[in-house]
Amino acid sequence: MNRMKTEFLYHYNRKNGLSLRERLFAYMPRYAPLVAKFGGLANLRDVIPGLSQLSEKLLGLTSKRELPQWDSQPFRPEETSQKTAGPEVVLFADSFNTYFEPQVLRDGLTVLEAAGRRVIVPRAKNTRRKLCCGRTFLSSGLIDEAKLEAVRLLENLSPYVERGVPIVGLEPSCVFTIKDELPSLLPGPQAQKLADHVQLLEEYLITENDAGRLSLKFRTSEPEKVLLHGHCHQKAFDAMDCTIKLLESVPGIEVETIHSGCCGMAGSFGYQAEHYEVSMEMAELSLLPRIRQATANEHIAACGTSCRHQIEHGSGRSVRHLTLNNCYKLIISIVYIFIQVCYNTVFFILKRTGWCSWTISLLSNRIRRKSSIPNLKAKPPNCFSTRLFSLATVPNRAAFSGCFRQGCSSLHGRLQDDAGFQRAPAPFRLPPRCRAAWVR
């Protein structure tokens, strides 16, 4: 049925052309590296009021559902450790997890390296483009573009197949596109070998464990129950057993498979305005009612990225990939790095333009005319902000002056030497009394 749809869309689009919405979905792996650099701007669609309704009118993207959020730190092949000297394994980094949920790939990488494997994340030769299974092109009927991606896959992954290096992936739709669609796009023994060689991460881990070549030490924890929703590709290819077996191998984990059909997302289907209601009706048949009955101590797991988005949208519950861990630590780290970068950038600009010395001199003289801070006599920069600084006033001057002098003296001592203002050896932190005065 899927191939019949792809063939029909191929002929239909050749005659009628491709809409802008379909181009956005189909060519996502091509433009994703560029958009990821400006992920904050791309995510404004669901932040600024009215933009989602505008995108629905112009592009046909439903305003009732948030789009996947671009991650500011996509997964990079350089994140693999070069110190592990164990057996090699290739981790296929799919486009969905690379740019939207990179923590899934990072956790998969952590699991493989904890098992003593030397992980290789392949990339295309003679180019910086990442490898792609072609799933998005096939969903839009762009068979010629999918064949180009298939050729690149064969050229870059076949050497690992010949060497017998296992190739594993985390996104079921990408893994089974290679296993099922690749031999049809490029008939031949080479494509068939690659299709037979690619497998899901859980299939690889279970195979290695049964062969006695795997040693993973799990931390002990309280008994937990996991509600597992299977991706449609996993169900169609009877690949759910390995996922269940792997989860049950973790001490204290009880697995309950949710008896459900398709979650209703089906890739881009659930994001299309005309299909949103049908998408939610499919989820309401059995999946979402069981999720809403789950207690706070019952965790929800799904391997498909579309499945996770549908469950989170329909129930409000957070959903994990079976490898996902420490997500909150990652978010905190990103926020901390962002604050540090902004602080250092502003400080560097102030220092370079001479604002730092001039601002300290101006504020200290306005607060207390007889300040103990030496008069720096720094000439203010010739720009429009000069007048803004000259009109600046400090609130609660009496309460603030003493602690401000303490902070300015500290900053002045850190920055000034014989050659003028140099880089501070340590970040300047305003004293607590100073911050309290500003609040008052």
Protein backbone atom coordinates (compact mmCIF):
# COMPACT_ATOMS: atom_id res chain seq x y z
CA MET A 1 0.00 0.00 0.00
CA ASN A 2 2.82 2.38 0.86
CA ARG A 3 4.56 1.79 -2.46
CA MET A 4 1.30 2.27 -4.35
CA LYS A 5 0.86 5.65 -2.63
CA THR A 6 4.45 6.66 -3.44
CA GLU A 7 4.00 5.69 -7.09
CA PHE A 8 0.72 7.60 -7.35
CA LEU A 9 2.21 10.74 -5.77
CA TYR A 10 5.18 10.52 -8.11
CA HIS A 11 2.97 10.74 -11.21
CA TYR A 12 0.56 13.23 -9.62
CA ASN A 13 3.31 15.64 -8.61
CA ARG A 14 5.00 15.41 -12.00
CA LYS A 15 1.76 16.60 -13.58
CA ASN A 16 0.51 19.09 -10.98
CA GLY A 17 3.68 20.20 -9.24
CA LEU A 18 4.64 20.13 -5.59
CA SER A 19 3.09 22.50 -3.07
CA LEU A 20 5.25 24.61 -0.76
CA ARG A 21 4.11 22.60 2.25
CA GLU A 22 5.16 19.32 0.63
CA ARG A 23 8.52 20.82 -0.30
CA LEU A 24 9.08 21.84 3.33
CA PHE A 25 8.35 18.32 4.52
CA ALA A 26 10.24 16.50 1.75
CA TYR A 27 13.43 18.55 1.68
CA MET A 28 13.80 18.88 5.44
CA PRO A 29 17.04 16.81 5.56
CA ARG A 30 18.59 19.13 2.97
CA TYR A 31 17.88 22.49 4.62
CA ALA A 32 17.97 21.28 8.24
CA PRO A 33 21.69 22.11 8.80
CA LEU A 34 21.07 25.73 7.85
CA VAL A 35 17.82 26.16 9.81
CA ALA A 36 19.36 24.57 12.90
CA LYS A 37 21.80 27.50 13.12
CA PHE A 38 18.81 29.82 13.52
CA GLY A 39 16.60 27.40 15.45
CA GLY A 40 15.36 30.12 17.79
CA LEU A 41 13.85 32.04 14.88
CA ALA A 42 12.34 28.91 13.33
CA ASN A 43 10.64 28.07 16.64
CA LEU A 44 8.89 31.47 16.86
CA ARG A 45 5.96 30.09 14.89
CA ASP A 46 4.50 28.65 18.10
CA VAL A 47 5.63 31.53 20.33
CA ILE A 48 4.39 34.73 18.68
CA PRO A 49 0.58 34.96 18.70
CA GLY A 50 -0.94 34.79 15.25
CA LEU A 51 1.95 33.13 13.43
CA SER A 52 0.48 29.64 13.73
CA GLN A 53 -2.83 30.85 12.26
CA LEU A 54 -0.91 32.58 9.47
CA SER A 55 1.04 29.42 8.67
CA GLU A 56 -2.24 27.50 8.51
CA LYS A 57 -3.66 29.90 5.93
CA LEU A 58 -0.48 30.15 3.86
CA LEU A 59 0.98 26.65 4.17
CA GLY A 60 -1.84 24.47 5.45
CA LEU A 61 -0.03 23.60 8.70
CA THR A 62 -2.57 23.19 11.47
CA SER A 63 -2.48 25.84 14.17
CA LYS A 64 -3.92 23.38 16.72
CA ARG A 65 -0.62 21.55 17.05
CA GLU A 66 2.90 22.78 17.77
CA LEU A 67 5.58 21.94 15.24
CA PRO A 68 8.70 20.01 16.32
CA GLN A 69 11.17 22.36 17.99
CA TRP A 70 14.55 22.81 16.32
CA ASP A 71 17.35 22.11 18.78
CA SER A 72 20.11 24.71 19.05
CA GLN A 73 22.74 21.98 19.49
CA PRO A 74 22.13 19.23 16.91
CA PHE A 75 23.94 15.94 17.21
CA ARG A 76 27.43 15.91 15.67
CA PRO A 77 29.57 12.92 14.63
CA GLU A 78 32.47 14.42 16.60
CA GLU A 79 30.66 13.64 19.85
CA THR A 80 31.78 10.03 19.73
CA SER A 81 34.60 9.02 22.05
CA GLN A 82 37.90 8.06 20.42
CA LYS A 83 39.23 6.35 23.55
CA THR A 84 37.07 3.21 23.38
CA ALA A 85 38.99 0.32 21.85
CA GLY A 86 36.23 -2.29 21.72
CA PRO A 87 34.35 -3.78 18.76
CA GLU A 88 33.20 -1.26 16.15
CA VAL A 89 29.55 -0.40 15.56
CA VAL A 90 28.04 2.18 13.20
CA LEU A 91 25.36 4.50 14.62
CA PHE A 92 23.12 5.86 11.86
CA ALA A 93 22.14 9.39 12.92
CA ASP A 94 18.75 10.07 11.35
CA SER A 95 17.65 13.59 10.48
CA PHE A 96 14.69 13.69 12.90
CA ASN A 97 16.69 12.91 16.02
CA THR A 98 19.74 14.85 14.86
CA TYR A 99 17.96 18.20 14.60
CA PHE A 100 14.88 17.88 16.82
CA GLU A 101 15.73 15.41 19.60
CA PRO A 102 19.52 15.01 19.64
CA GLN A 103 19.44 13.78 23.22
CA VAL A 104 18.01 10.49 21.94
CA LEU A 105 21.11 9.95 19.81
CA ARG A 106 23.40 11.07 22.62
CA ASP A 107 21.83 8.57 24.99
CA GLY A 108 22.07 5.83 22.38
CA LEU A 109 25.73 6.71 21.97
CA THR A 110 26.19 6.55 25.75
CA VAL A 111 24.61 3.09 25.91
CA LEU A 112 26.84 1.72 23.13
CA GLU A 113 30.01 3.19 24.63
CA ALA A 114 29.04 1.87 28.07
CA ALA A 115 28.84 -1.55 26.44
CA GLY A 116 32.47 -1.14 25.35
CA ARG A 117 31.76 -0.43 21.68
CA ARG A 118 33.74 1.95 19.50
CA VAL A 119 31.00 3.97 17.85
CA ILE A 120 31.31 5.37 14.33
CA VAL A 121 28.86 7.98 13.04
CA PRO A 122 29.29 7.98 9.25
CA ARG A 123 28.96 10.99 6.99
CA ALA A 124 28.97 11.37 3.22
CA LYS A 125 32.36 11.37 1.51
CA ASN A 126 33.70 14.63 0.05
CA THR A 127 30.84 16.63 1.53
CA ARG A 128 29.60 17.88 4.90
CA ARG A 129 26.08 16.62 4.27
CA LYS A 130 24.74 13.95 6.57
CA LEU A 131 23.42 10.65 5.31
CA CYS A 132 19.66 10.30 4.88
CA CYS A 133 17.39 7.30 4.33
CA GLY A 134 15.11 9.24 1.94
CA ARG A 135 11.94 8.68 3.96
CA THR A 136 10.69 12.25 3.57
CA PHE A 137 11.15 12.15 -0.21
CA LEU A 138 9.28 8.87 -0.56
CA SER A 139 6.39 10.20 1.51
CA SER A 140 5.99 13.04 -1.01
CA GLY A 141 6.44 10.88 -4.09
CA LEU A 142 9.90 12.27 -4.96
CA ILE A 143 11.36 8.95 -6.06
CA ASP A 144 14.27 10.48 -7.98
CA GLU A 145 15.47 12.39 -4.91
CA ALA A 146 15.07 9.27 -2.77
CA LYS A 147 17.24 7.35 -5.24
CA LEU A 148 19.99 9.96 -4.90
CA GLU A 149 19.97 9.49 -1.13
CA ALA A 150 19.95 5.70 -1.58
CA VAL A 151 23.04 5.87 -3.81
CA ARG A 152 24.85 7.94 -1.16
CA LEU A 153 23.88 5.41 1.48
CA LEU A 154 25.30 2.54 -0.54
CA GLU A 155 28.54 4.37 -1.28
CA ASN A 156 29.17 5.25 2.37
CA LEU A 157 27.78 2.26 4.27
CA SER A 158 28.75 -0.63 2.00
CA PRO A 159 32.39 -0.66 3.25
CA TYR A 160 31.12 -1.32 6.77
CA VAL A 161 28.88 -4.10 5.47
CA GLU A 162 31.83 -5.77 3.75
CA ARG A 163 33.84 -5.57 6.97
CA GLY A 164 30.97 -7.00 9.00
CA VAL A 165 30.57 -3.91 11.21
CA PRO A 166 27.03 -3.75 12.67
CA ILE A 167 24.90 -0.76 11.61
CA VAL A 168 22.24 0.34 14.10
CA GLY A 169 19.62 3.10 14.14
CA LEU A 170 17.17 4.57 16.64
CA GLU A 171 14.29 5.84 14.47
CA PRO A 172 12.12 2.91 13.24
CA SER A 173 10.83 4.75 10.16
CA CYS A 174 14.41 5.37 8.94
CA VAL A 175 15.73 1.90 9.76
CA PHE A 176 12.86 0.11 8.04
CA THR A 177 12.95 2.46 5.07
CA ILE A 178 16.47 1.15 4.44
CA LYS A 179 15.44 -2.43 5.06
CA ASP A 180 12.25 -2.33 2.98
CA GLU A 181 12.49 0.46 0.40
CA LEU A 182 16.19 0.46 -0.50
CA PRO A 183 16.15 -2.85 -2.43
CA SER A 184 13.18 -1.58 -4.44
CA LEU A 185 14.86 1.74 -5.28
CA LEU A 186 18.18 0.16 -6.23
CA PRO A 187 17.67 -3.52 -7.06
CA GLY A 188 20.81 -5.59 -6.67
CA PRO A 189 22.80 -7.70 -4.22
CA GLN A 190 24.66 -4.71 -2.73
CA ALA A 191 21.45 -2.95 -1.67
CA GLN A 192 20.03 -6.20 -0.33
CA LYS A 193 23.14 -6.81 1.79
CA LEU A 194 22.84 -3.35 3.31
CA ALA A 195 19.12 -3.84 3.97
CA ASP A 196 19.79 -7.12 5.77
CA HIS A 197 22.65 -5.60 7.77
CA VAL A 198 20.84 -2.57 9.26
CA GLN A 199 18.97 -3.09 12.54
CA LEU A 200 17.43 -1.25 15.45
CA LEU A 201 19.57 -0.56 18.50
CA GLU A 202 17.50 -2.87 20.68
CA GLU A 203 17.84 -5.71 18.15
CA TYR A 204 21.61 -5.34 18.20
CA LEU A 205 21.82 -5.23 22.01
CA ILE A 206 19.60 -8.30 22.45
CA THR A 207 21.60 -10.25 19.84
CA GLU A 208 24.88 -9.37 21.54
CA ASN A 209 23.46 -10.21 24.96
CA ASP A 210 22.19 -13.61 23.83
CA ALA A 211 25.61 -14.35 22.33
CA GLY A 212 27.32 -13.48 25.62
CA ARG A 213 29.21 -10.52 24.15
CA LEU A 214 27.40 -7.78 26.07
CA SER A 215 28.02 -6.56 29.59
CA LEU A 216 25.87 -3.66 30.77
CA LYS A 217 25.63 -2.71 34.43
CA PHE A 218 22.30 -1.10 35.29
CA ARG A 219 21.77 0.99 38.39
CA THR A 220 19.38 -0.39 40.97
CA SER A 221 16.13 1.52 41.39
CA GLU A 222 12.63 1.20 42.72
CA PRO A 223 10.24 -0.96 40.68
CA GLU A 224 8.93 1.00 37.71
CA LYS A 225 6.24 0.33 35.14
CA VAL A 226 6.71 1.37 31.51
CA LEU A 227 3.84 1.76 29.07
CA LEU A 228 5.28 0.97 25.63
CA HIS A 229 3.73 2.16 22.38
CA GLY A 230 5.06 0.49 19.25
CA HIS A 231 5.81 2.32 16.01
CA CYS A 232 3.84 1.15 12.97
CA HIS A 233 7.03 -0.02 11.23
CA GLN A 234 7.99 -2.06 14.29
CA LYS A 235 4.59 -3.74 14.34
CA ALA A 236 4.55 -4.37 10.58
CA PHE A 237 7.99 -6.04 10.69
CA ASP A 238 7.37 -7.87 13.98
CA ALA A 239 10.21 -6.02 15.72
CA MET A 240 8.49 -5.27 19.03
CA ASP A 241 9.74 -8.36 20.83
CA CYS A 242 13.33 -7.08 21.01
CA THR A 243 12.21 -3.74 22.46
CA ILE A 244 10.13 -5.45 25.14
CA LYS A 245 12.88 -7.94 25.96
CA LEU A 246 15.49 -5.21 26.28
CA LEU A 247 13.36 -3.14 28.66
CA GLU A 248 12.53 -6.19 30.78
CA SER A 249 16.24 -6.98 31.10
CA VAL A 250 16.65 -3.83 33.20
CA PRO A 251 16.21 -4.71 36.90
CA GLY A 252 12.97 -3.39 38.38
CA ILE A 253 11.28 -2.61 35.04
CA GLU A 254 7.79 -3.95 34.27
CA VAL A 255 6.64 -3.46 30.67
CA GLU A 256 3.06 -3.15 29.49
CA THR A 257 2.54 -2.91 25.73
CA ILE A 258 -0.32 -0.59 24.82
CA HIS A 259 -2.67 -2.44 22.48
CA SER A 260 -3.16 0.23 19.86
CA GLY A 261 -2.93 0.80 16.16
CA CYS A 262 -1.36 3.84 14.52
CA CYS A 263 -0.98 6.88 16.76
CA GLY A 264 -2.42 9.03 13.95
CA MET A 265 0.61 11.16 13.13
CA ALA A 266 2.00 9.08 10.24
CA GLY A 267 4.91 11.43 9.66
CA SER A 268 3.58 14.75 8.35
CA PHE A 269 -0.04 13.59 8.13
CA GLY A 270 -0.99 14.91 11.57
CA TYR A 271 0.51 18.34 10.88
CA GLN A 272 -1.70 18.97 7.85
CA ALA A 273 -4.68 21.18 8.69
CA GLU A 274 -7.18 19.09 6.70
CA HIS A 275 -6.09 15.87 8.44
CA TYR A 276 -5.72 17.06 12.03
CA GLU A 277 -9.16 15.88 13.21
CA VAL A 278 -8.69 12.45 11.63
CA SER A 279 -5.27 12.20 13.24
CA MET A 280 -6.68 12.87 16.71
CA GLU A 281 -9.61 10.49 16.19
CA MET A 282 -7.14 7.69 15.42
CA ALA A 283 -5.22 8.44 18.62
CA GLU A 284 -8.42 8.49 20.66
CA LEU A 285 -9.38 4.95 19.63
CA SER A 286 -7.17 3.25 22.24
CA LEU A 287 -3.79 4.99 22.67
CA LEU A 288 -4.69 8.26 24.38
CA PRO A 289 -7.41 6.77 26.68
CA ARG A 290 -4.81 4.34 28.10
CA ILE A 291 -2.24 7.12 28.50
CA ARG A 292 -4.69 9.25 30.47
CA GLN A 293 -5.34 6.33 32.84
CA ALA A 294 -1.62 6.04 33.61
CA THR A 295 -0.52 7.02 37.09
CA ALA A 296 2.30 9.44 37.84
CA ASN A 297 4.63 6.49 38.58
CA GLU A 298 4.03 4.87 35.19
CA HIS A 299 6.47 5.98 32.50
CA ILE A 300 5.63 6.15 28.79
CA ALA A 301 8.04 5.02 26.08
CA ALA A 302 7.85 5.17 22.29
CA CYS A 303 10.65 4.71 19.75
CA GLY A 304 9.05 6.80 16.98
CA THR A 305 9.52 10.56 17.07
CA SER A 306 6.06 11.16 15.56
CA CYS A 307 4.50 8.86 18.14
CA ARG A 308 6.11 10.79 20.99
CA HIS A 309 4.86 14.11 19.63
CA GLN A 310 1.32 12.79 19.24
CA ILE A 311 1.17 11.41 22.77
CA GLU A 312 2.59 14.60 24.29
CA HIS A 313 0.13 16.71 22.29
CA GLY A 314 -2.93 14.61 23.05
CA SER A 315 -2.29 13.80 26.71
CA GLY A 316 0.22 16.34 28.01
CA ARG A 317 2.38 13.50 29.34
CA SER A 318 6.10 13.42 28.60
CA VAL A 319 7.27 10.48 26.49
CA ARG A 320 10.74 8.95 26.28
CA HIS A 321 12.64 6.94 23.76
CA LEU A 322 13.79 3.74 25.44
CA THR A 323 17.36 5.18 25.59
CA LEU A 324 16.41 8.68 26.80
CA ASN A 325 17.91 9.84 30.09
CA ASN A 326 19.16 13.01 31.82
CA CYS A 327 17.11 15.28 29.57
CA TYR A 328 16.67 17.89 32.29
CA LYS A 329 20.41 18.04 32.90
CA LEU A 330 20.91 18.80 29.22
CA ILE A 331 18.37 21.64 29.29
CA ILE A 332 19.97 23.17 32.39
CA SER A 333 23.39 22.93 30.77
CA ILE A 334 22.20 24.65 27.61
CA VAL A 335 20.60 27.50 29.58
CA TYR A 336 23.75 27.92 31.67
CA ILE A 337 25.99 28.01 28.58
CA PHE A 338 23.68 30.54 26.92
CA ILE A 339 23.83 32.87 29.94
CA GLN A 340 27.62 32.59 30.12
CA VAL A 341 28.01 33.33 26.40
CA CYS A 342 25.75 36.41 26.64
CA TYR A 343 27.61 37.67 29.71
CA ASN A 344 31.05 37.24 28.14
CA THR A 345 29.92 38.80 24.86
CA VAL A 346 28.51 41.92 26.52
CA PHE A 347 31.58 42.26 28.72
CA PHE A 348 33.92 41.93 25.72
CA ILE A 349 32.01 44.61 23.77
CA LEU A 350 32.03 46.99 26.71
CA LYS A 351 35.73 46.50 27.22
CA ARG A 352 36.63 46.92 23.56
CA THR A 353 34.59 50.09 23.05
CA GLY A 354 35.76 51.79 26.25
CA TRP A 355 32.25 51.78 27.77
CA CYS A 356 33.40 49.73 30.77
CA SER A 357 35.77 52.32 32.22
CA TRP A 358 33.58 55.28 31.25
CA THR A 359 30.41 53.73 32.73
CA ILE A 360 32.10 52.99 36.05
CA SER A 361 33.44 56.53 36.22
CA LEU A 362 30.10 58.10 35.34
CA LEU A 363 27.96 56.07 37.73
CA SER A 364 30.39 56.32 40.62
CA ASN A 365 30.62 60.11 40.23
CA ARG A 366 26.84 60.47 40.07
CA ILE A 367 26.31 58.30 43.15
CA ARG A 368 28.92 59.90 45.32
CA ARG A 369 30.79 63.00 44.24
CA LYS A 370 33.70 62.14 46.54
CA SER A 371 34.15 58.57 45.48
CA SER A 372 37.26 56.64 46.44
CA ILE A 373 37.46 55.28 42.92
CA PRO A 374 40.07 57.17 40.89
CA ASN A 375 38.73 59.36 38.13
CA LEU A 376 39.33 57.29 35.03
CA LYS A 377 38.66 60.22 32.68
CA ALA A 378 37.52 57.83 30.02
CA LYS A 379 36.00 59.50 27.02
CA PRO A 380 32.53 58.11 26.25
CA PRO A 381 32.05 56.52 22.85
CA ASN A 382 30.64 58.84 20.20
CA CYS A 383 27.26 57.21 19.60
CA PHE A 384 23.60 57.68 20.42
CA SER A 385 23.92 55.72 23.68
CA THR A 386 26.12 58.54 25.06
CA ARG A 387 23.05 60.66 25.73
CA LEU A 388 21.23 57.71 27.24
CA PHE A 389 24.07 57.09 29.66
CA SER A 390 24.32 60.78 30.52
CA LEU A 391 20.63 60.81 31.48
CA ALA A 392 20.86 57.62 33.51
CA THR A 393 19.90 57.71 37.18
CA VAL A 394 20.33 55.10 39.87
CA PRO A 395 17.25 54.16 41.98
CA ASN A 396 17.53 54.20 45.76
CA ARG A 397 20.78 56.11 45.59
CA ALA A 398 21.38 56.30 49.34
CA ALA A 399 20.81 52.60 49.93
CA PHE A 400 22.71 51.58 46.83
CA SER A 401 25.77 53.83 46.93
CA GLY A 402 27.76 51.97 49.56
CA CYS A 403 27.44 48.49 48.07
CA PHE A 404 27.84 49.86 44.56
CA ARG A 405 31.15 51.43 45.56
CA GLN A 406 32.19 48.05 46.93
CA GLY A 407 31.31 46.32 43.70
CA CYS A 408 32.88 49.01 41.49
CA SER A 409 36.05 48.94 43.54
CA SER A 410 36.22 45.20 43.08
CA LEU A 411 35.65 45.49 39.35
CA HIS A 412 38.10 48.36 39.03
CA GLY A 413 40.78 46.38 40.85
CA ARG A 414 40.26 43.40 38.57
CA LEU A 415 40.39 45.35 35.34
CA GLN A 416 42.89 48.20 35.68
CA ASP A 417 46.64 47.87 35.39
CA ASP A 418 49.47 49.93 33.91
CA ALA A 419 48.39 49.24 30.35
CA GLY A 420 44.74 50.15 30.96
CA PHE A 421 41.76 47.85 31.09
CA GLN A 422 42.66 44.23 30.45
CA ARG A 423 40.71 40.98 30.48
CA ALA A 424 39.33 40.15 33.92
CA PRO A 425 40.95 37.07 35.52
CA ALA A 426 37.60 36.05 37.03
CA PRO A 427 33.97 36.97 36.33
CA PHE A 428 32.65 39.97 38.27
CA ARG A 429 29.74 39.25 40.58
CA LEU A 430 27.76 42.02 42.22
CA PRO A 431 27.57 41.65 46.03
CA PRO A 432 24.26 40.34 47.46
CA ARG A 433 23.49 43.66 49.20
CA CYS A 434 23.91 45.36 45.87
CA ARG A 435 21.36 43.11 44.16
CA ALA A 436 18.95 43.54 47.08
CA ALA A 437 19.15 47.31 46.76
CA TRP A 438 18.28 47.10 43.07
CA VAL A 439 15.24 44.97 43.90
CA ARG A 440 14.03 47.49 46.47
